[in-house]
């Protein structure tokens, strides 16, 4: 399995339960091996197999969790 790391950003994180919700949903997504959300910065780090979980899919999972997200270069 090829794994890559994608960095997303969300400016809408307002509480620790937001972090838990997004992390849980991403970590349950097929192809995601690890997801970590940083509350203070809005940074979402996702290690995933790009063939099974595309960047678009990751953004969609965050949206389904109730938050907007975008690809971030850092």
PDB file of N, CA and C in Angstrom:
ATOM      1  N   UNK A   1       0.835  -1.176   0.000  1.00  0.00           N
ATOM      2  CA  UNK A   1       0.000   0.000   0.000  1.00  0.00           C
ATOM      3  C   UNK A   1       0.881   1.240   0.000  1.00  0.00           C
ATOM      4  N   UNK A   2       0.603   2.136  -0.915  1.00  0.00           N
ATOM      5  CA  UNK A   2       1.298   3.415  -0.979  1.00  0.00           C
ATOM      6  C   UNK A   2       0.574   4.383  -0.058  1.00  0.00           C
ATOM      7  N   UNK A   3       1.334   5.052   0.794  1.00  0.00           N
ATOM      8  CA  UNK A   3       0.735   6.010   1.717  1.00  0.00           C
ATOM      9  C   UNK A   3       1.303   7.393   1.454  1.00  0.00           C
ATOM     10  N   UNK A   4       0.440   8.361   1.467  1.00  0.00           N
ATOM     11  CA  UNK A   4       0.844   9.752   1.320  1.00  0.00           C
ATOM     12  C   UNK A   4       0.250  10.554   2.463  1.00  0.00           C
ATOM     13  N   UNK A   5       0.791  11.725   2.679  1.00  0.00           N
ATOM     14  CA  UNK A   5       0.263  12.597   3.733  1.00  0.00           C
ATOM     15  C   UNK A   5      -0.338  13.828   3.065  1.00  0.00           C
ATOM     16  N   UNK A   6      -1.579  14.100   3.399  1.00  0.00           N
ATOM     17  CA  UNK A   6      -2.277  15.282   2.903  1.00  0.00           C
ATOM     18  C   UNK A   6      -2.587  16.187   4.083  1.00  0.00           C
ATOM     19  N   UNK A   7      -2.359  17.467   3.879  1.00  0.00           N
ATOM     20  CA  UNK A   7      -2.662  18.459   4.911  1.00  0.00           C
ATOM     21  C   UNK A   7      -3.893  19.248   4.471  1.00  0.00           C
ATOM     22  N   UNK A   8      -4.891  19.250   5.327  1.00  0.00           N
ATOM     23  CA  UNK A   8      -6.095  20.049   5.115  1.00  0.00           C
ATOM     24  C   UNK A   8      -6.136  21.151   6.166  1.00  0.00           C
ATOM     25  N   UNK A   9      -6.938  22.168   5.919  1.00  0.00           N
ATOM     26  CA  UNK A   9      -7.168  23.234   6.892  1.00  0.00           C
ATOM     27  C   UNK A   9      -8.654  23.459   7.043  1.00  0.00           C
ATOM     28  N   UNK A  10      -9.053  23.772   8.259  1.00  0.00           N
ATOM     29  CA  UNK A  10     -10.421  24.179   8.537  1.00  0.00           C
ATOM     30  C   UNK A  10     -10.367  25.345   9.506  1.00  0.00           C
ATOM     31  N   UNK A  11     -11.071  26.398   9.164  1.00  0.00           N
ATOM     32  CA  UNK A  11     -11.123  27.579  10.032  1.00  0.00           C
ATOM     33  C   UNK A  11     -12.344  27.553  10.936  1.00  0.00           C
ATOM     34  N   UNK A  12     -13.065  26.437  10.938  1.00  0.00           N
ATOM     35  CA  UNK A  12     -14.338  26.364  11.655  1.00  0.00           C
ATOM     36  C   UNK A  12     -14.292  25.560  12.950  1.00  0.00           C
ATOM     37  N   UNK A  13     -13.130  25.138  13.382  1.00  0.00           N
ATOM     38  CA  UNK A  13     -13.057  24.318  14.591  1.00  0.00           C
ATOM     39  C   UNK A  13     -13.264  25.203  15.812  1.00  0.00           C
ATOM     40  N   UNK A  14     -14.334  24.928  16.549  1.00  0.00           N
ATOM     41  CA  UNK A  14     -14.668  25.786  17.683  1.00  0.00           C
ATOM     42  C   UNK A  14     -14.621  25.075  19.033  1.00  0.00           C
ATOM     43  N   UNK A  15     -14.413  23.750  19.026  1.00  0.00           N
ATOM     44  CA  UNK A  15     -14.397  23.031  20.299  1.00  0.00           C
ATOM     45  C   UNK A  15     -13.667  21.691  20.144  1.00  0.00           C
ATOM     46  N   UNK A  16     -13.237  21.111  21.259  1.00  0.00           N
ATOM     47  CA  UNK A  16     -12.549  19.820  21.193  1.00  0.00           C
ATOM     48  C   UNK A  16     -13.407  18.696  20.608  1.00  0.00           C
ATOM     49  N   UNK A  17     -14.725  18.782  20.771  1.00  0.00           N
ATOM     50  CA  UNK A  17     -15.557  17.727  20.201  1.00  0.00           C
ATOM     51  C   UNK A  17     -15.553  17.783  18.675  1.00  0.00           C
ATOM     52  N   UNK A  18     -15.313  18.964  18.102  1.00  0.00           N
ATOM     53  CA  UNK A  18     -15.147  19.085  16.643  1.00  0.00           C
ATOM     54  C   UNK A  18     -13.953  18.242  16.204  1.00  0.00           C
ATOM     55  N   UNK A  19     -12.880  18.363  16.932  1.00  0.00           N
ATOM     56  CA  UNK A  19     -11.654  17.616  16.633  1.00  0.00           C
ATOM     57  C   UNK A  19     -11.932  16.123  16.687  1.00  0.00           C
ATOM     58  N   UNK A  20     -12.568  15.684  17.754  1.00  0.00           N
ATOM     59  CA  UNK A  20     -12.858  14.250  17.910  1.00  0.00           C
ATOM     60  C   UNK A  20     -13.766  13.740  16.803  1.00  0.00           C
ATOM     61  N   UNK A  21     -14.762  14.514  16.426  1.00  0.00           N
ATOM     62  CA  UNK A  21     -15.705  14.131  15.386  1.00  0.00           C
ATOM     63  C   UNK A  21     -14.989  13.955  14.040  1.00  0.00           C
ATOM     64  N   UNK A  22     -14.189  14.939  13.651  1.00  0.00           N
ATOM     65  CA  UNK A  22     -13.478  14.867  12.375  1.00  0.00           C
ATOM     66  C   UNK A  22     -12.466  13.723  12.389  1.00  0.00           C
ATOM     67  N   UNK A  23     -11.667  13.626  13.460  1.00  0.00           N
ATOM     68  CA  UNK A  23     -10.672  12.545  13.544  1.00  0.00           C
ATOM     69  C   UNK A  23     -11.331  11.181  13.442  1.00  0.00           C
ATOM     70  N   UNK A  24     -12.400  10.991  14.173  1.00  0.00           N
ATOM     71  CA  UNK A  24     -13.101   9.706  14.177  1.00  0.00           C
ATOM     72  C   UNK A  24     -13.608   9.361  12.781  1.00  0.00           C
ATOM     73  N   UNK A  25     -14.262  10.308  12.125  1.00  0.00           N
ATOM     74  CA  UNK A  25     -14.809  10.048  10.796  1.00  0.00           C
ATOM     75  C   UNK A  25     -13.709   9.777   9.768  1.00  0.00           C
ATOM     76  N   UNK A  26     -12.622  10.543   9.822  1.00  0.00           N
ATOM     77  CA  UNK A  26     -11.526  10.298   8.890  1.00  0.00           C
ATOM     78  C   UNK A  26     -10.872   8.944   9.148  1.00  0.00           C
ATOM     79  N   UNK A  27     -10.636   8.620  10.418  1.00  0.00           N
ATOM     80  CA  UNK A  27      -9.977   7.355  10.745  1.00  0.00           C
ATOM     81  C   UNK A  27     -10.827   6.140  10.400  1.00  0.00           C
ATOM     82  N   UNK A  28     -12.131   6.322  10.242  1.00  0.00           N
ATOM     83  CA  UNK A  28     -13.014   5.232   9.840  1.00  0.00           C
ATOM     84  C   UNK A  28     -13.157   5.131   8.321  1.00  0.00           C
ATOM     85  N   UNK A  29     -12.537   6.055   7.597  1.00  0.00           N
ATOM     86  CA  UNK A  29     -12.634   6.084   6.141  1.00  0.00           C
ATOM     87  C   UNK A  29     -11.690   5.058   5.531  1.00  0.00           C
ATOM     88  N   UNK A  30     -12.217   4.266   4.606  1.00  0.00           N
ATOM     89  CA  UNK A  30     -11.392   3.261   3.935  1.00  0.00           C
ATOM     90  C   UNK A  30     -10.215   3.945   3.249  1.00  0.00           C
ATOM     91  N   UNK A  31      -9.020   3.426   3.476  1.00  0.00           N
ATOM     92  CA  UNK A  31      -7.816   3.962   2.870  1.00  0.00           C
ATOM     93  C   UNK A  31      -7.048   4.922   3.759  1.00  0.00           C
ATOM     94  N   UNK A  32      -7.659   5.361   4.860  1.00  0.00           N
ATOM     95  CA  UNK A  32      -6.985   6.267   5.796  1.00  0.00           C
ATOM     96  C   UNK A  32      -6.311   5.438   6.872  1.00  0.00           C
ATOM     97  N   UNK A  33      -5.000   5.652   7.036  1.00  0.00           N
ATOM     98  CA  UNK A  33      -4.279   4.915   8.074  1.00  0.00           C
ATOM     99  C   UNK A  33      -4.154   5.718   9.363  1.00  0.00           C
ATOM    100  N   UNK A  34      -4.176   7.058   9.260  1.00  0.00           N
ATOM    101  CA  UNK A  34      -4.103   7.881  10.467  1.00  0.00           C
ATOM    102  C   UNK A  34      -4.557   9.297  10.134  1.00  0.00           C
ATOM    103  N   UNK A  35      -5.357   9.864  11.001  1.00  0.00           N
ATOM    104  CA  UNK A  35      -5.779  11.256  10.859  1.00  0.00           C
ATOM    105  C   UNK A  35      -5.613  11.953  12.200  1.00  0.00           C
ATOM    106  N   UNK A  36      -5.075  13.156  12.150  1.00  0.00           N
ATOM    107  CA  UNK A  36      -4.878  13.928  13.371  1.00  0.00           C
ATOM    108  C   UNK A  36      -5.301  15.367  13.113  1.00  0.00           C
ATOM    109  N   UNK A  37      -6.131  15.903  13.997  1.00  0.00           N
ATOM    110  CA  UNK A  37      -6.627  17.263  13.866  1.00  0.00           C
ATOM    111  C   UNK A  37      -6.021  18.105  14.981  1.00  0.00           C
ATOM    112  N   UNK A  38      -5.498  19.272  14.612  1.00  0.00           N
ATOM    113  CA  UNK A  38      -4.898  20.197  15.575  1.00  0.00           C
ATOM    114  C   UNK A  38      -5.868  21.358  15.791  1.00  0.00           C
ATOM    115  N   UNK A  39      -6.480  21.376  16.955  1.00  0.00           N
ATOM    116  CA  UNK A  39      -7.527  22.347  17.274  1.00  0.00           C
ATOM    117  C   UNK A  39      -7.051  23.791  17.140  1.00  0.00           C
ATOM    118  N   UNK A  40      -5.891  24.113  17.690  1.00  0.00           N
ATOM    119  CA  UNK A  40      -5.429  25.504  17.726  1.00  0.00           C
ATOM    120  C   UNK A  40      -5.127  26.079  16.354  1.00  0.00           C
ATOM    121  N   UNK A  41      -4.676  25.238  15.420  1.00  0.00           N
ATOM    122  CA  UNK A  41      -4.269  25.737  14.104  1.00  0.00           C
ATOM    123  C   UNK A  41      -5.261  25.404  12.991  1.00  0.00           C
ATOM    124  N   UNK A  42      -6.183  24.484  13.247  1.00  0.00           N
ATOM    125  CA  UNK A  42      -7.108  24.052  12.205  1.00  0.00           C
ATOM    126  C   UNK A  42      -6.463  23.117  11.196  1.00  0.00           C
ATOM    127  N   UNK A  43      -5.281  22.651  11.497  1.00  0.00           N
ATOM    128  CA  UNK A  43      -4.538  21.756  10.604  1.00  0.00           C
ATOM    129  C   UNK A  43      -5.042  20.317  10.774  1.00  0.00           C
ATOM    130  N   UNK A  44      -5.293  19.663   9.655  1.00  0.00           N
ATOM    131  CA  UNK A  44      -5.757  18.281   9.657  1.00  0.00           C
ATOM    132  C   UNK A  44      -4.765  17.468   8.845  1.00  0.00           C
ATOM    133  N   UNK A  45      -4.032  16.575   9.508  1.00  0.00           N
ATOM    134  CA  UNK A  45      -3.026  15.752   8.841  1.00  0.00           C
ATOM    135  C   UNK A  45      -3.606  14.363   8.622  1.00  0.00           C
ATOM    136  N   UNK A  46      -3.569  13.919   7.376  1.00  0.00           N
ATOM    137  CA  UNK A  46      -4.159  12.625   7.048  1.00  0.00           C
ATOM    138  C   UNK A  46      -3.151  11.782   6.274  1.00  0.00           C
ATOM    139  N   UNK A  47      -2.817  10.618   6.820  1.00  0.00           N
ATOM    140  CA  UNK A  47      -1.998   9.640   6.112  1.00  0.00           C
ATOM    141  C   UNK A  47      -2.967   8.666   5.459  1.00  0.00           C
ATOM    142  N   UNK A  48      -2.832   8.499   4.141  1.00  0.00           N
ATOM    143  CA  UNK A  48      -3.832   7.704   3.420  1.00  0.00           C
ATOM    144  C   UNK A  48      -3.259   7.120   2.141  1.00  0.00           C
ATOM    145  N   UNK A  49      -3.956   6.116   1.636  1.00  0.00           N
ATOM    146  CA  UNK A  49      -3.670   5.523   0.339  1.00  0.00           C
ATOM    147  C   UNK A  49      -4.451   6.355  -0.680  1.00  0.00           C
ATOM    148  N   UNK A  50      -3.765   7.098  -1.545  1.00  0.00           N
ATOM    149  CA  UNK A  50      -4.476   7.993  -2.466  1.00  0.00           C
ATOM    150  C   UNK A  50      -5.358   7.255  -3.477  1.00  0.00           C
ATOM    151  N   UNK A  51      -5.110   5.980  -3.697  1.00  0.00           N
ATOM    152  CA  UNK A  51      -5.958   5.200  -4.604  1.00  0.00           C
ATOM    153  C   UNK A  51      -7.282   4.808  -3.961  1.00  0.00           C
ATOM    154  N   UNK A  52      -7.302   4.753  -2.637  1.00  0.00           N
ATOM    155  CA  UNK A  52      -8.523   4.348  -1.930  1.00  0.00           C
ATOM    156  C   UNK A  52      -9.222   5.510  -1.243  1.00  0.00           C
ATOM    157  N   UNK A  53      -8.486   6.566  -0.943  1.00  0.00           N
ATOM    158  CA  UNK A  53      -9.054   7.751  -0.282  1.00  0.00           C
ATOM    159  C   UNK A  53      -8.405   8.984  -0.903  1.00  0.00           C
ATOM    160  N   UNK A  54      -9.078   9.558  -1.892  1.00  0.00           N
ATOM    161  CA  UNK A  54      -8.545  10.724  -2.594  1.00  0.00           C
ATOM    162  C   UNK A  54      -8.643  11.971  -1.709  1.00  0.00           C
ATOM    163  N   UNK A  55      -7.937  13.022  -2.111  1.00  0.00           N
ATOM    164  CA  UNK A  55      -8.025  14.287  -1.384  1.00  0.00           C
ATOM    165  C   UNK A  55      -9.463  14.794  -1.371  1.00  0.00           C
ATOM    166  N   UNK A  56     -10.155  14.623  -2.491  1.00  0.00           N
ATOM    167  CA  UNK A  56     -11.549  15.047  -2.576  1.00  0.00           C
ATOM    168  C   UNK A  56     -12.418  14.277  -1.578  1.00  0.00           C
ATOM    169  N   UNK A  57     -12.133  12.994  -1.430  1.00  0.00           N
ATOM    170  CA  UNK A  57     -12.875  12.167  -0.470  1.00  0.00           C
ATOM    171  C   UNK A  57     -12.627  12.655   0.954  1.00  0.00           C
ATOM    172  N   UNK A  58     -11.388  12.994   1.269  1.00  0.00           N
ATOM    173  CA  UNK A  58     -11.053  13.479   2.613  1.00  0.00           C
ATOM    174  C   UNK A  58     -11.817  14.767   2.916  1.00  0.00           C
ATOM    175  N   UNK A  59     -11.853  15.677   1.951  1.00  0.00           N
ATOM    176  CA  UNK A  59     -12.591  16.928   2.135  1.00  0.00           C
ATOM    177  C   UNK A  59     -14.075  16.637   2.328  1.00  0.00           C
ATOM    178  N   UNK A  60     -14.601  15.696   1.567  1.00  0.00           N
ATOM    179  CA  UNK A  60     -16.012  15.326   1.685  1.00  0.00           C
ATOM    180  C   UNK A  60     -16.326  14.751   3.073  1.00  0.00           C
ATOM    181  N   UNK A  61     -15.433  13.946   3.622  1.00  0.00           N
ATOM    182  CA  UNK A  61     -15.644  13.380   4.961  1.00  0.00           C
ATOM    183  C   UNK A  61     -15.687  14.502   5.997  1.00  0.00           C
ATOM    184  N   UNK A  62     -14.794  15.477   5.861  1.00  0.00           N
ATOM    185  CA  UNK A  62     -14.810  16.617   6.790  1.00  0.00           C
ATOM    186  C   UNK A  62     -16.121  17.392   6.630  1.00  0.00           C
ATOM    187  N   UNK A  63     -16.564  17.588   5.401  1.00  0.00           N
ATOM    188  CA  UNK A  63     -17.837  18.292   5.165  1.00  0.00           C
ATOM    189  C   UNK A  63     -19.008  17.523   5.767  1.00  0.00           C
ATOM    190  N   UNK A  64     -18.995  16.211   5.615  1.00  0.00           N
ATOM    191  CA  UNK A  64     -20.070  15.396   6.197  1.00  0.00           C
ATOM    192  C   UNK A  64     -20.027  15.439   7.721  1.00  0.00           C
ATOM    193  N   UNK A  65     -18.874  15.784   8.273  1.00  0.00           N
ATOM    194  CA  UNK A  65     -18.742  15.943   9.723  1.00  0.00           C
ATOM    195  C   UNK A  65     -19.282  17.296  10.177  1.00  0.00           C
ATOM    196  N   UNK A  66     -19.584  18.173   9.207  1.00  0.00           N
ATOM    197  CA  UNK A  66     -20.168  19.463   9.534  1.00  0.00           C
ATOM    198  C   UNK A  66     -19.236  20.655   9.409  1.00  0.00           C
ATOM    199  N   UNK A  67     -18.078  20.476   8.765  1.00  0.00           N
ATOM    200  CA  UNK A  67     -17.075  21.534   8.690  1.00  0.00           C
ATOM    201  C   UNK A  67     -16.513  21.636   7.282  1.00  0.00           C
ATOM    202  N   UNK A  68     -16.142  22.844   6.903  1.00  0.00           N
ATOM    203  CA  UNK A  68     -15.485  23.050   5.612  1.00  0.00           C
ATOM    204  C   UNK A  68     -13.990  22.789   5.778  1.00  0.00           C
ATOM    205  N   UNK A  69     -13.366  22.344   4.694  1.00  0.00           N
ATOM    206  CA  UNK A  69     -11.930  22.100   4.707  1.00  0.00           C
ATOM    207  C   UNK A  69     -11.388  22.360   3.313  1.00  0.00           C
ATOM    208  N   UNK A  70     -10.087  22.626   3.266  1.00  0.00           N
ATOM    209  CA  UNK A  70      -9.416  22.833   1.992  1.00  0.00           C
ATOM    210  C   UNK A  70      -8.012  22.250   2.072  1.00  0.00           C
ATOM    211  N   UNK A  71      -7.432  21.981   0.915  1.00  0.00           N
ATOM    212  CA  UNK A  71      -6.057  21.497   0.851  1.00  0.00           C
ATOM    213  C   UNK A  71      -5.148  22.639   1.287  1.00  0.00           C
ATOM    214  N   UNK A  72      -4.126  22.310   2.062  1.00  0.00           N
ATOM    215  CA  UNK A  72      -3.170  23.314   2.533  1.00  0.00           C
ATOM    216  C   UNK A  72      -1.770  22.882   2.134  1.00  0.00           C
ATOM    217  N   UNK A  73      -0.933  23.809   1.669  1.00  0.00           N
ATOM    218  CA  UNK A  73       0.427  23.443   1.289  1.00  0.00           C
ATOM    219  C   UNK A  73       1.317  23.130   2.482  1.00  0.00           C
ATOM    220  N   UNK A  74       0.925  23.585   3.688  1.00  0.00           N
ATOM    221  CA  UNK A  74       1.728  23.318   4.896  1.00  0.00           C
ATOM    222  C   UNK A  74       0.873  23.311   6.122  1.00  0.00           C
TER     223      UNK A  74
END
